[in-house]
C-alpha cells in the first residue's frame, strides 16, 4: 500500500507527539491482570529495517486511536448506564481498555529502544 508523503509525515509527527505523552508510563500490575497478561519479557531484535520502524509507528498511532475509542466507550457506559446491554459489558470493555494499554506499553518500549 502506498500513501502520499504527507500521510507519512503526519503519522511520524503524530507518533512523536503521542510517544512524548506516553513516555515514562509504567504498566501497573492491576492493568496487566485485567488484560490477562503484560508485556513480553524477551529482548528486541538487534537489527530492524526502516520499513519496520515505520510500520511500528503506524501500529502505535492506531493503538492510540483504539485506546481512546474504548476508553471513551467505558466512560460513556459509566455515565449512561448499561440498560439494554448484557450485565458483563463494562467488564468486557475494561478488559479491552487494559489490553490496549498493554499494546501501547509494548510499542512505546519497542520504539524507545530502537
PDB file of N, CA and C in Angstrom:
ATOM      1  N   UNK A   1       0.846  -1.169   0.000  1.00  0.00           N
ATOM      2  CA  UNK A   1       0.000   0.000   0.000  1.00  0.00           C
ATOM      3  C   UNK A   1       0.893   1.233   0.000  1.00  0.00           C
ATOM      4  N   UNK A   2       0.573   2.217  -0.816  1.00  0.00           N
ATOM      5  CA  UNK A   2       1.379   3.417  -0.934  1.00  0.00           C
ATOM      6  C   UNK A   2       0.557   4.617  -0.503  1.00  0.00           C
ATOM      7  N   UNK A   3       1.119   5.409   0.409  1.00  0.00           N
ATOM      8  CA  UNK A   3       0.480   6.634   0.840  1.00  0.00           C
ATOM      9  C   UNK A   3       1.315   7.816   0.372  1.00  0.00           C
ATOM     10  N   UNK A   4       0.670   8.947   0.116  1.00  0.00           N
ATOM     11  CA  UNK A   4       1.452  10.143  -0.222  1.00  0.00           C
ATOM     12  C   UNK A   4       2.369  10.515   0.944  1.00  0.00           C
ATOM     13  N   UNK A   5       3.415  11.226   0.640  1.00  0.00           N
ATOM     14  CA  UNK A   5       4.395  11.608   1.647  1.00  0.00           C
ATOM     15  C   UNK A   5       3.755  12.351   2.813  1.00  0.00           C
ATOM     16  N   UNK A   6       2.737  13.149   2.565  1.00  0.00           N
ATOM     17  CA  UNK A   6       2.123  13.931   3.629  1.00  0.00           C
ATOM     18  C   UNK A   6       1.507  13.031   4.695  1.00  0.00           C
ATOM     19  N   UNK A   7       0.970  11.874   4.322  1.00  0.00           N
ATOM     20  CA  UNK A   7       0.407  10.927   5.294  1.00  0.00           C
ATOM     21  C   UNK A   7       1.519  10.381   6.171  1.00  0.00           C
ATOM     22  N   UNK A   8       2.649  10.005   5.567  1.00  0.00           N
ATOM     23  CA  UNK A   8       3.773   9.510   6.348  1.00  0.00           C
ATOM     24  C   UNK A   8       4.277  10.582   7.307  1.00  0.00           C
ATOM     25  N   UNK A   9       4.339  11.806   6.841  1.00  0.00           N
ATOM     26  CA  UNK A   9       4.779  12.899   7.706  1.00  0.00           C
ATOM     27  C   UNK A   9       3.825  13.083   8.873  1.00  0.00           C
ATOM     28  N   UNK A  10       2.534  13.017   8.580  1.00  0.00           N
ATOM     29  CA  UNK A  10       1.529  13.150   9.632  1.00  0.00           C
ATOM     30  C   UNK A  10       1.665  12.030  10.660  1.00  0.00           C
ATOM     31  N   UNK A  11       1.821  10.796  10.190  1.00  0.00           N
ATOM     32  CA  UNK A  11       1.960   9.673  11.103  1.00  0.00           C
ATOM     33  C   UNK A  11       3.222   9.792  11.947  1.00  0.00           C
ATOM     34  N   UNK A  12       4.305  10.212  11.341  1.00  0.00           N
ATOM     35  CA  UNK A  12       5.568  10.348  12.071  1.00  0.00           C
ATOM     36  C   UNK A  12       5.435  11.400  13.168  1.00  0.00           C
ATOM     37  N   UNK A  13       4.898  12.563  12.826  1.00  0.00           N
ATOM     38  CA  UNK A  13       4.737  13.631  13.811  1.00  0.00           C
ATOM     39  C   UNK A  13       3.753  13.211  14.893  1.00  0.00           C
ATOM     40  N   UNK A  14       2.678  12.529  14.508  1.00  0.00           N
ATOM     41  CA  UNK A  14       1.701  12.054  15.490  1.00  0.00           C
ATOM     42  C   UNK A  14       2.336  11.068  16.451  1.00  0.00           C
ATOM     43  N   UNK A  15       3.151  10.173  15.928  1.00  0.00           N
ATOM     44  CA  UNK A  15       3.817   9.195  16.785  1.00  0.00           C
ATOM     45  C   UNK A  15       4.757   9.878  17.757  1.00  0.00           C
ATOM     46  N   UNK A  16       5.483  10.864  17.294  1.00  0.00           N
ATOM     47  CA  UNK A  16       6.385  11.587  18.191  1.00  0.00           C
ATOM     48  C   UNK A  16       5.594  12.294  19.283  1.00  0.00           C
ATOM     49  N   UNK A  17       4.489  12.918  18.907  1.00  0.00           N
ATOM     50  CA  UNK A  17       3.677  13.621  19.895  1.00  0.00           C
ATOM     51  C   UNK A  17       3.053  12.646  20.880  1.00  0.00           C
ATOM     52  N   UNK A  18       2.507  11.550  20.392  1.00  0.00           N
ATOM     53  CA  UNK A  18       1.864  10.576  21.270  1.00  0.00           C
ATOM     54  C   UNK A  18       2.882   9.873  22.152  1.00  0.00           C
ATOM     55  N   UNK A  19       4.057   9.575  21.625  1.00  0.00           N
ATOM     56  CA  UNK A  19       5.086   8.924  22.425  1.00  0.00           C
ATOM     57  C   UNK A  19       5.544   9.835  23.549  1.00  0.00           C
ATOM     58  N   UNK A  20       5.579  11.139  23.321  1.00  0.00           N
ATOM     59  CA  UNK A  20       6.004  12.040  24.383  1.00  0.00           C
ATOM     60  C   UNK A  20       4.979  12.052  25.508  1.00  0.00           C
ATOM     61  N   UNK A  21       3.720  11.859  25.189  1.00  0.00           N
ATOM     62  CA  UNK A  21       2.682  11.777  26.210  1.00  0.00           C
ATOM     63  C   UNK A  21       2.771  10.442  26.943  1.00  0.00           C
ATOM     64  N   UNK A  22       3.021   9.363  26.203  1.00  0.00           N
ATOM     65  CA  UNK A  22       3.029   8.027  26.793  1.00  0.00           C
ATOM     66  C   UNK A  22       4.360   7.667  27.438  1.00  0.00           C
ATOM     67  N   UNK A  23       5.413   8.401  27.127  1.00  0.00           N
ATOM     68  CA  UNK A  23       6.740   8.052  27.636  1.00  0.00           C
ATOM     69  C   UNK A  23       6.760   8.107  29.154  1.00  0.00           C
ATOM     70  N   UNK A  24       7.416   7.151  29.749  1.00  0.00           N
ATOM     71  CA  UNK A  24       7.561   7.119  31.190  1.00  0.00           C
ATOM     72  C   UNK A  24       6.381   6.518  31.923  1.00  0.00           C
ATOM     73  N   UNK A  25       5.351   6.088  31.224  1.00  0.00           N
ATOM     74  CA  UNK A  25       4.195   5.490  31.862  1.00  0.00           C
ATOM     75  C   UNK A  25       4.450   4.002  32.023  1.00  0.00           C
ATOM     76  N   UNK A  26       4.454   3.553  33.260  1.00  0.00           N
ATOM     77  CA  UNK A  26       4.677   2.139  33.525  1.00  0.00           C
ATOM     78  C   UNK A  26       3.328   1.410  33.537  1.00  0.00           C
ATOM     79  N   UNK A  27       3.342   0.186  33.130  1.00  0.00           N
ATOM     80  CA  UNK A  27       2.148  -0.638  33.127  1.00  0.00           C
ATOM     81  C   UNK A  27       1.948  -1.192  34.535  1.00  0.00           C
ATOM     82  N   UNK A  28       0.818  -0.897  35.134  1.00  0.00           N
ATOM     83  CA  UNK A  28       0.573  -1.347  36.504  1.00  0.00           C
ATOM     84  C   UNK A  28       0.255  -2.840  36.531  1.00  0.00           C
ATOM     85  N   UNK A  29       0.559  -3.514  37.638  1.00  0.00           N
ATOM     86  CA  UNK A  29       0.215  -4.934  37.756  1.00  0.00           C
ATOM     87  C   UNK A  29      -1.295  -5.179  37.646  1.00  0.00           C
ATOM     88  N   UNK A  30      -2.086  -4.220  38.119  1.00  0.00           N
ATOM     89  CA  UNK A  30      -3.550  -4.359  38.037  1.00  0.00           C
ATOM     90  C   UNK A  30      -4.011  -4.359  36.582  1.00  0.00           C
ATOM     91  N   UNK A  31      -3.410  -3.473  35.770  1.00  0.00           N
ATOM     92  CA  UNK A  31      -3.760  -3.412  34.347  1.00  0.00           C
ATOM     93  C   UNK A  31      -3.377  -4.709  33.661  1.00  0.00           C
ATOM     94  N   UNK A  32      -2.182  -5.211  33.943  1.00  0.00           N
ATOM     95  CA  UNK A  32      -1.741  -6.468  33.342  1.00  0.00           C
ATOM     96  C   UNK A  32      -2.649  -7.614  33.763  1.00  0.00           C
ATOM     97  N   UNK A  33      -3.111  -7.587  35.004  1.00  0.00           N
ATOM     98  CA  UNK A  33      -4.000  -8.636  35.493  1.00  0.00           C
ATOM     99  C   UNK A  33      -5.348  -8.595  34.778  1.00  0.00           C
ATOM    100  N   UNK A  34      -5.910  -7.399  34.636  1.00  0.00           N
ATOM    101  CA  UNK A  34      -7.204  -7.252  33.941  1.00  0.00           C
ATOM    102  C   UNK A  34      -7.062  -7.646  32.479  1.00  0.00           C
ATOM    103  N   UNK A  35      -5.932  -7.280  31.864  1.00  0.00           N
ATOM    104  CA  UNK A  35      -5.707  -7.565  30.440  1.00  0.00           C
ATOM    105  C   UNK A  35      -5.453  -9.041  30.179  1.00  0.00           C
ATOM    106  N   UNK A  36      -5.089  -9.778  31.213  1.00  0.00           N
ATOM    107  CA  UNK A  36      -4.794 -11.194  31.021  1.00  0.00           C
ATOM    108  C   UNK A  36      -3.319 -11.432  30.731  1.00  0.00           C
ATOM    109  N   UNK A  37      -2.485 -10.439  30.980  1.00  0.00           N
ATOM    110  CA  UNK A  37      -1.047 -10.569  30.763  1.00  0.00           C
ATOM    111  C   UNK A  37      -0.441  -9.229  30.438  1.00  0.00           C
ATOM    112  N   UNK A  38       0.852  -9.128  30.640  1.00  0.00           N
ATOM    113  CA  UNK A  38       1.549  -7.873  30.387  1.00  0.00           C
ATOM    114  C   UNK A  38       2.470  -7.974  29.189  1.00  0.00           C
ATOM    115  N   UNK A  39       3.448  -7.110  29.189  1.00  0.00           N
ATOM    116  CA  UNK A  39       4.409  -7.068  28.099  1.00  0.00           C
ATOM    117  C   UNK A  39       5.319  -8.293  28.144  1.00  0.00           C
ATOM    118  N   UNK A  40       5.752  -8.776  27.000  1.00  0.00           N
ATOM    119  CA  UNK A  40       6.674  -9.917  26.999  1.00  0.00           C
ATOM    120  C   UNK A  40       8.015  -9.521  27.611  1.00  0.00           C
ATOM    121  N   UNK A  41       8.704 -10.505  28.152  1.00  0.00           N
ATOM    122  CA  UNK A  41       9.957 -10.203  28.841  1.00  0.00           C
ATOM    123  C   UNK A  41      11.179 -10.387  27.954  1.00  0.00           C
ATOM    124  N   UNK A  42      11.000 -10.834  26.714  1.00  0.00           N
ATOM    125  CA  UNK A  42      12.132 -11.047  25.807  1.00  0.00           C
ATOM    126  C   UNK A  42      12.702  -9.745  25.300  1.00  0.00           C
ATOM    127  N   UNK A  43      13.902  -9.815  24.765  1.00  0.00           N
ATOM    128  CA  UNK A  43      14.557  -8.642  24.201  1.00  0.00           C
ATOM    129  C   UNK A  43      14.061  -8.347  22.796  1.00  0.00           C
ATOM    130  N   UNK A  44      14.535  -7.220  22.261  1.00  0.00           N
ATOM    131  CA  UNK A  44      14.146  -6.848  20.902  1.00  0.00           C
ATOM    132  C   UNK A  44      15.222  -7.299  19.926  1.00  0.00           C
ATOM    133  N   UNK A  45      14.871  -7.313  18.673  1.00  0.00           N
ATOM    134  CA  UNK A  45      15.816  -7.700  17.626  1.00  0.00           C
ATOM    135  C   UNK A  45      16.964  -6.691  17.560  1.00  0.00           C
ATOM    136  N   UNK A  46      18.133  -7.177  17.188  1.00  0.00           N
ATOM    137  CA  UNK A  46      19.293  -6.285  17.121  1.00  0.00           C
ATOM    138  C   UNK A  46      19.289  -5.433  15.859  1.00  0.00           C
ATOM    139  N   UNK A  47      18.641  -5.915  14.794  1.00  0.00           N
ATOM    140  CA  UNK A  47      18.556  -5.147  13.552  1.00  0.00           C
ATOM    141  C   UNK A  47      17.091  -5.069  13.116  1.00  0.00           C
ATOM    142  N   UNK A  48      16.644  -3.841  12.879  1.00  0.00           N
ATOM    143  CA  UNK A  48      15.269  -3.628  12.433  1.00  0.00           C
ATOM    144  C   UNK A  48      15.307  -2.738  11.197  1.00  0.00           C
ATOM    145  N   UNK A  49      14.603  -3.140  10.162  1.00  0.00           N
ATOM    146  CA  UNK A  49      14.583  -2.383   8.906  1.00  0.00           C
ATOM    147  C   UNK A  49      13.823  -1.076   9.078  1.00  0.00           C
ATOM    148  N   UNK A  50      14.141  -0.104   8.255  1.00  0.00           N
ATOM    149  CA  UNK A  50      13.481   1.199   8.295  1.00  0.00           C
ATOM    150  C   UNK A  50      11.980   1.054   8.069  1.00  0.00           C
ATOM    151  N   UNK A  51      11.585   0.184   7.139  1.00  0.00           N
ATOM    152  CA  UNK A  51      10.159  -0.035   6.891  1.00  0.00           C
ATOM    153  C   UNK A  51       9.463  -0.583   8.124  1.00  0.00           C
ATOM    154  N   UNK A  52      10.157  -1.414   8.879  1.00  0.00           N
ATOM    155  CA  UNK A  52       9.578  -1.973  10.097  1.00  0.00           C
ATOM    156  C   UNK A  52       9.318  -0.875  11.111  1.00  0.00           C
ATOM    157  N   UNK A  53      10.243   0.051  11.233  1.00  0.00           N
ATOM    158  CA  UNK A  53      10.063   1.166  12.165  1.00  0.00           C
ATOM    159  C   UNK A  53       8.837   1.982  11.775  1.00  0.00           C
ATOM    160  N   UNK A  54       8.694   2.238  10.498  1.00  0.00           N
ATOM    161  CA  UNK A  54       7.533   2.996  10.020  1.00  0.00           C
ATOM    162  C   UNK A  54       6.237   2.248  10.323  1.00  0.00           C
ATOM    163  N   UNK A  55       6.239   0.942  10.143  1.00  0.00           N
ATOM    164  CA  UNK A  55       5.047   0.142  10.430  1.00  0.00           C
ATOM    165  C   UNK A  55       4.747   0.121  11.929  1.00  0.00           C
ATOM    166  N   UNK A  56       5.772   0.077  12.756  1.00  0.00           N
ATOM    167  CA  UNK A  56       5.567   0.134  14.205  1.00  0.00           C
ATOM    168  C   UNK A  56       5.001   1.490  14.625  1.00  0.00           C
ATOM    169  N   UNK A  57       5.449   2.556  13.969  1.00  0.00           N
ATOM    170  CA  UNK A  57       4.888   3.878  14.252  1.00  0.00           C
ATOM    171  C   UNK A  57       3.416   3.939  13.865  1.00  0.00           C
ATOM    172  N   UNK A  58       3.073   3.321  12.751  1.00  0.00           N
ATOM    173  CA  UNK A  58       1.670   3.250  12.340  1.00  0.00           C
ATOM    174  C   UNK A  58       0.862   2.442  13.346  1.00  0.00           C
ATOM    175  N   UNK A  59       1.399   1.309  13.783  1.00  0.00           N
ATOM    176  CA  UNK A  59       0.714   0.488  14.780  1.00  0.00           C
ATOM    177  C   UNK A  59       0.516   1.269  16.075  1.00  0.00           C
ATOM    178  N   UNK A  60       1.521   2.046  16.478  1.00  0.00           N
ATOM    179  CA  UNK A  60       1.418   2.866  17.686  1.00  0.00           C
ATOM    180  C   UNK A  60       0.306   3.902  17.543  1.00  0.00           C
ATOM    181  N   UNK A  61       0.250   4.538  16.398  1.00  0.00           N
ATOM    182  CA  UNK A  61      -0.796   5.526  16.126  1.00  0.00           C
ATOM    183  C   UNK A  61      -2.177   4.877  16.215  1.00  0.00           C
ATOM    184  N   UNK A  62      -2.326   3.716  15.574  1.00  0.00           N
ATOM    185  CA  UNK A  62      -3.617   3.023  15.581  1.00  0.00           C
ATOM    186  C   UNK A  62      -3.982   2.523  16.972  1.00  0.00           C
ATOM    187  N   UNK A  63      -3.016   2.055  17.735  1.00  0.00           N
ATOM    188  CA  UNK A  63      -3.285   1.608  19.109  1.00  0.00           C
ATOM    189  C   UNK A  63      -3.762   2.771  19.974  1.00  0.00           C
ATOM    190  N   UNK A  64      -3.210   3.952  19.743  1.00  0.00           N
ATOM    191  CA  UNK A  64      -3.690   5.121  20.478  1.00  0.00           C
ATOM    192  C   UNK A  64      -5.139   5.436  20.132  1.00  0.00           C
ATOM    193  N   UNK A  65      -5.490   5.295  18.866  1.00  0.00           N
ATOM    194  CA  UNK A  65      -6.885   5.503  18.469  1.00  0.00           C
ATOM    195  C   UNK A  65      -7.803   4.478  19.125  1.00  0.00           C
ATOM    196  N   UNK A  66      -7.374   3.213  19.115  1.00  0.00           N
ATOM    197  CA  UNK A  66      -8.176   2.160  19.733  1.00  0.00           C
ATOM    198  C   UNK A  66      -8.337   2.407  21.228  1.00  0.00           C
ATOM    199  N   UNK A  67      -7.247   2.756  21.891  1.00  0.00           N
ATOM    200  CA  UNK A  67      -7.315   3.006  23.329  1.00  0.00           C
ATOM    201  C   UNK A  67      -8.271   4.158  23.637  1.00  0.00           C
ATOM    202  N   UNK A  68      -8.168   5.239  22.867  1.00  0.00           N
ATOM    203  CA  UNK A  68      -9.050   6.384  23.079  1.00  0.00           C
ATOM    204  C   UNK A  68     -10.511   6.000  22.846  1.00  0.00           C
ATOM    205  N   UNK A  69     -10.771   5.217  21.800  1.00  0.00           N
ATOM    206  CA  UNK A  69     -12.140   4.801  21.481  1.00  0.00           C
ATOM    207  C   UNK A  69     -12.746   3.979  22.621  1.00  0.00           C
ATOM    208  N   UNK A  70     -12.032   2.950  23.063  1.00  0.00           N
ATOM    209  CA  UNK A  70     -12.594   2.083  24.096  1.00  0.00           C
ATOM    210  C   UNK A  70     -12.623   2.767  25.460  1.00  0.00           C
ATOM    211  N   UNK A  71     -11.659   3.632  25.729  1.00  0.00           N
ATOM    212  CA  UNK A  71     -11.676   4.368  26.989  1.00  0.00           C
ATOM    213  C   UNK A  71     -12.879   5.312  27.038  1.00  0.00           C
ATOM    214  N   UNK A  72     -13.155   5.978  25.917  1.00  0.00           N
ATOM    215  CA  UNK A  72     -14.328   6.860  25.848  1.00  0.00           C
ATOM    216  C   UNK A  72     -15.614   6.042  25.936  1.00  0.00           C
ATOM    217  N   UNK A  73     -15.627   4.872  25.332  1.00  0.00           N
ATOM    218  CA  UNK A  73     -16.797   3.997  25.429  1.00  0.00           C
ATOM    219  C   UNK A  73     -17.055   3.602  26.877  1.00  0.00           C
ATOM    220  N   UNK A  74     -15.995   3.289  27.600  1.00  0.00           N
ATOM    221  CA  UNK A  74     -16.120   2.924  29.007  1.00  0.00           C
ATOM    222  C   UNK A  74     -16.664   4.095  29.819  1.00  0.00           C
ATOM    223  N   UNK A  75     -16.164   5.286  29.533  1.00  0.00           N
ATOM    224  CA  UNK A  75     -16.658   6.490  30.221  1.00  0.00           C
ATOM    225  C   UNK A  75     -18.135   6.704  29.926  1.00  0.00           C
ATOM    226  N   UNK A  76     -18.520   6.583  28.659  1.00  0.00           N
ATOM    227  CA  UNK A  76     -19.921   6.787  28.286  1.00  0.00           C
ATOM    228  C   UNK A  76     -20.830   5.729  28.889  1.00  0.00           C
ATOM    229  N   UNK A  77     -20.365   4.483  28.920  1.00  0.00           N
ATOM    230  CA  UNK A  77     -21.176   3.433  29.545  1.00  0.00           C
ATOM    231  C   UNK A  77     -21.372   3.705  31.029  1.00  0.00           C
ATOM    232  N   UNK A  78     -20.347   4.240  31.675  1.00  0.00           N
ATOM    233  CA  UNK A  78     -20.462   4.582  33.091  1.00  0.00           C
ATOM    234  C   UNK A  78     -21.449   5.702  33.327  1.00  0.00           C
ATOM    235  N   UNK A  79     -21.462   6.690  32.431  1.00  0.00           N
ATOM    236  CA  UNK A  79     -22.369   7.829  32.579  1.00  0.00           C
ATOM    237  C   UNK A  79     -23.798   7.475  32.193  1.00  0.00           C
ATOM    238  N   UNK A  80     -23.949   6.740  31.099  1.00  0.00           N
ATOM    239  CA  UNK A  80     -25.271   6.490  30.535  1.00  0.00           C
ATOM    240  C   UNK A  80     -25.915   5.209  31.046  1.00  0.00           C
ATOM    241  N   UNK A  81     -25.130   4.340  31.669  1.00  0.00           N
ATOM    242  CA  UNK A  81     -25.656   3.076  32.145  1.00  0.00           C
ATOM    243  C   UNK A  81     -25.612   2.020  31.055  1.00  0.00           C
ATOM    244  N   UNK A  82     -25.916   0.799  31.447  1.00  0.00           N
ATOM    245  CA  UNK A  82     -25.830  -0.313  30.500  1.00  0.00           C
ATOM    246  C   UNK A  82     -27.201  -0.933  30.228  1.00  0.00           C
ATOM    247  N   UNK A  83     -28.242  -0.128  30.356  1.00  0.00           N
ATOM    248  CA  UNK A  83     -29.581  -0.622  30.067  1.00  0.00           C
ATOM    249  C   UNK A  83     -29.637  -1.139  28.635  1.00  0.00           C
ATOM    250  N   UNK A  84     -30.064  -2.362  28.470  1.00  0.00           N
ATOM    251  CA  UNK A  84     -30.153  -2.967  27.150  1.00  0.00           C
ATOM    252  C   UNK A  84     -28.909  -3.728  26.745  1.00  0.00           C
ATOM    253  N   UNK A  85     -27.849  -3.651  27.542  1.00  0.00           N
ATOM    254  CA  UNK A  85     -26.614  -4.385  27.273  1.00  0.00           C
ATOM    255  C   UNK A  85     -26.496  -5.545  28.259  1.00  0.00           C
ATOM    256  N   UNK A  86     -25.744  -6.580  27.914  1.00  0.00           N
ATOM    257  CA  UNK A  86     -25.525  -7.663  28.878  1.00  0.00           C
ATOM    258  C   UNK A  86     -24.846  -7.136  30.142  1.00  0.00           C
ATOM    259  N   UNK A  87     -25.020  -7.848  31.241  1.00  0.00           N
ATOM    260  CA  UNK A  87     -24.512  -7.395  32.535  1.00  0.00           C
ATOM    261  C   UNK A  87     -22.993  -7.294  32.602  1.00  0.00           C
ATOM    262  N   UNK A  88     -22.285  -8.041  31.787  1.00  0.00           N
ATOM    263  CA  UNK A  88     -20.824  -8.015  31.855  1.00  0.00           C
ATOM    264  C   UNK A  88     -20.187  -7.038  30.854  1.00  0.00           C
ATOM    265  N   UNK A  89     -20.978  -6.147  30.289  1.00  0.00           N
ATOM    266  CA  UNK A  89     -20.480  -5.232  29.261  1.00  0.00           C
ATOM    267  C   UNK A  89     -19.333  -4.370  29.776  1.00  0.00           C
ATOM    268  N   UNK A  90     -19.493  -3.797  30.965  1.00  0.00           N
ATOM    269  CA  UNK A  90     -18.446  -2.925  31.495  1.00  0.00           C
ATOM    270  C   UNK A  90     -17.165  -3.706  31.736  1.00  0.00           C
ATOM    271  N   UNK A  91     -17.267  -4.939  32.239  1.00  0.00           N
ATOM    272  CA  UNK A  91     -16.073  -5.751  32.475  1.00  0.00           C
ATOM    273  C   UNK A  91     -15.361  -6.084  31.154  1.00  0.00           C
ATOM    274  N   UNK A  92     -16.134  -6.348  30.116  1.00  0.00           N
ATOM    275  CA  UNK A  92     -15.548  -6.662  28.806  1.00  0.00           C
ATOM    276  C   UNK A  92     -14.808  -5.443  28.261  1.00  0.00           C
ATOM    277  N   UNK A  93     -15.424  -4.283  28.333  1.00  0.00           N
ATOM    278  CA  UNK A  93     -14.781  -3.071  27.818  1.00  0.00           C
ATOM    279  C   UNK A  93     -13.571  -2.708  28.677  1.00  0.00           C
ATOM    280  N   UNK A  94     -13.654  -2.917  29.997  1.00  0.00           N
ATOM    281  CA  UNK A  94     -12.493  -2.677  30.865  1.00  0.00           C
ATOM    282  C   UNK A  94     -11.316  -3.564  30.464  1.00  0.00           C
ATOM    283  N   UNK A  95     -11.615  -4.818  30.121  1.00  0.00           N
ATOM    284  CA  UNK A  95     -10.557  -5.741  29.697  1.00  0.00           C
ATOM    285  C   UNK A  95      -9.936  -5.264  28.383  1.00  0.00           C
ATOM    286  N   UNK A  96     -10.768  -4.797  27.456  1.00  0.00           N
ATOM    287  CA  UNK A  96     -10.256  -4.298  26.176  1.00  0.00           C
ATOM    288  C   UNK A  96      -9.374  -3.074  26.403  1.00  0.00           C
ATOM    289  N   UNK A  97      -9.806  -2.147  27.271  1.00  0.00           N
ATOM    290  CA  UNK A  97      -9.007  -0.961  27.574  1.00  0.00           C
ATOM    291  C   UNK A  97      -7.659  -1.372  28.160  1.00  0.00           C
ATOM    292  N   UNK A  98      -7.663  -2.343  29.076  1.00  0.00           N
ATOM    293  CA  UNK A  98      -6.422  -2.819  29.680  1.00  0.00           C
ATOM    294  C   UNK A  98      -5.516  -3.451  28.629  1.00  0.00           C
ATOM    295  N   UNK A  99      -6.092  -4.222  27.711  1.00  0.00           N
ATOM    296  CA  UNK A  99      -5.293  -4.831  26.645  1.00  0.00           C
ATOM    297  C   UNK A  99      -4.688  -3.768  25.736  1.00  0.00           C
ATOM    298  N   UNK A 100      -5.433  -2.721  25.452  1.00  0.00           N
ATOM    299  CA  UNK A 100      -4.897  -1.631  24.624  1.00  0.00           C
ATOM    300  C   UNK A 100      -3.759  -0.922  25.352  1.00  0.00           C
ATOM    301  N   UNK A 101      -3.856  -0.791  26.676  1.00  0.00           N
ATOM    302  CA  UNK A 101      -2.766  -0.186  27.447  1.00  0.00           C
ATOM    303  C   UNK A 101      -1.515  -1.059  27.382  1.00  0.00           C
ATOM    304  N   UNK A 102      -1.704  -2.373  27.403  1.00  0.00           N
ATOM    305  CA  UNK A 102      -0.559  -3.287  27.262  1.00  0.00           C
ATOM    306  C   UNK A 102       0.071  -3.114  25.882  1.00  0.00           C
ATOM    307  N   UNK A 103      -0.754  -3.053  24.845  1.00  0.00           N
ATOM    308  CA  UNK A 103      -0.238  -2.865  23.485  1.00  0.00           C
ATOM    309  C   UNK A 103       0.554  -1.558  23.381  1.00  0.00           C
ATOM    310  N   UNK A 104       0.019  -0.481  23.972  1.00  0.00           N
ATOM    311  CA  UNK A 104       0.718   0.797  23.932  1.00  0.00           C
ATOM    312  C   UNK A 104       2.040   0.742  24.685  1.00  0.00           C
ATOM    313  N   UNK A 105       2.047   0.070  25.822  1.00  0.00           N
ATOM    314  CA  UNK A 105       3.288  -0.045  26.595  1.00  0.00           C
ATOM    315  C   UNK A 105       4.340  -0.816  25.807  1.00  0.00           C
ATOM    316  N   UNK A 106       3.929  -1.889  25.156  1.00  0.00           N
ATOM    317  CA  UNK A 106       4.863  -2.688  24.360  1.00  0.00           C
ATOM    318  C   UNK A 106       5.441  -1.854  23.224  1.00  0.00           C
ATOM    319  N   UNK A 107       4.573  -1.173  22.481  1.00  0.00           N
ATOM    320  CA  UNK A 107       5.040  -0.375  21.348  1.00  0.00           C
ATOM    321  C   UNK A 107       5.882   0.813  21.802  1.00  0.00           C
ATOM    322  N   UNK A 108       5.514   1.432  22.917  1.00  0.00           N
ATOM    323  CA  UNK A 108       6.300   2.556  23.450  1.00  0.00           C
ATOM    324  C   UNK A 108       7.704   2.086  23.801  1.00  0.00           C
ATOM    325  N   UNK A 109       7.788   0.975  24.526  1.00  0.00           N
ATOM    326  CA  UNK A 109       9.111   0.436  24.894  1.00  0.00           C
ATOM    327  C   UNK A 109       9.910   0.047  23.663  1.00  0.00           C
ATOM    328  N   UNK A 110       9.256  -0.578  22.705  1.00  0.00           N
ATOM    329  CA  UNK A 110       9.945  -1.008  21.493  1.00  0.00           C
ATOM    330  C   UNK A 110      10.476   0.174  20.698  1.00  0.00           C
ATOM    331  N   UNK A 111       9.645   1.185  20.507  1.00  0.00           N
ATOM    332  CA  UNK A 111      10.067   2.357  19.742  1.00  0.00           C
ATOM    333  C   UNK A 111      11.113   3.181  20.504  1.00  0.00           C
ATOM    334  N   UNK A 112      11.049   3.182  21.818  1.00  0.00           N
ATOM    335  CA  UNK A 112      12.069   3.894  22.601  1.00  0.00           C
ATOM    336  C   UNK A 112      13.419   3.191  22.510  1.00  0.00           C
ATOM    337  N   UNK A 113      13.395   1.858  22.382  1.00  0.00           N
ATOM    338  CA  UNK A 113      14.644   1.082  22.335  1.00  0.00           C
ATOM    339  C   UNK A 113      15.302   1.087  20.967  1.00  0.00           C
ATOM    340  N   UNK A 114      14.561   1.465  19.943  1.00  0.00           N
ATOM    341  CA  UNK A 114      15.113   1.413  18.583  1.00  0.00           C
ATOM    342  C   UNK A 114      16.017   2.609  18.354  1.00  0.00           C
TER     343      UNK A 114
END
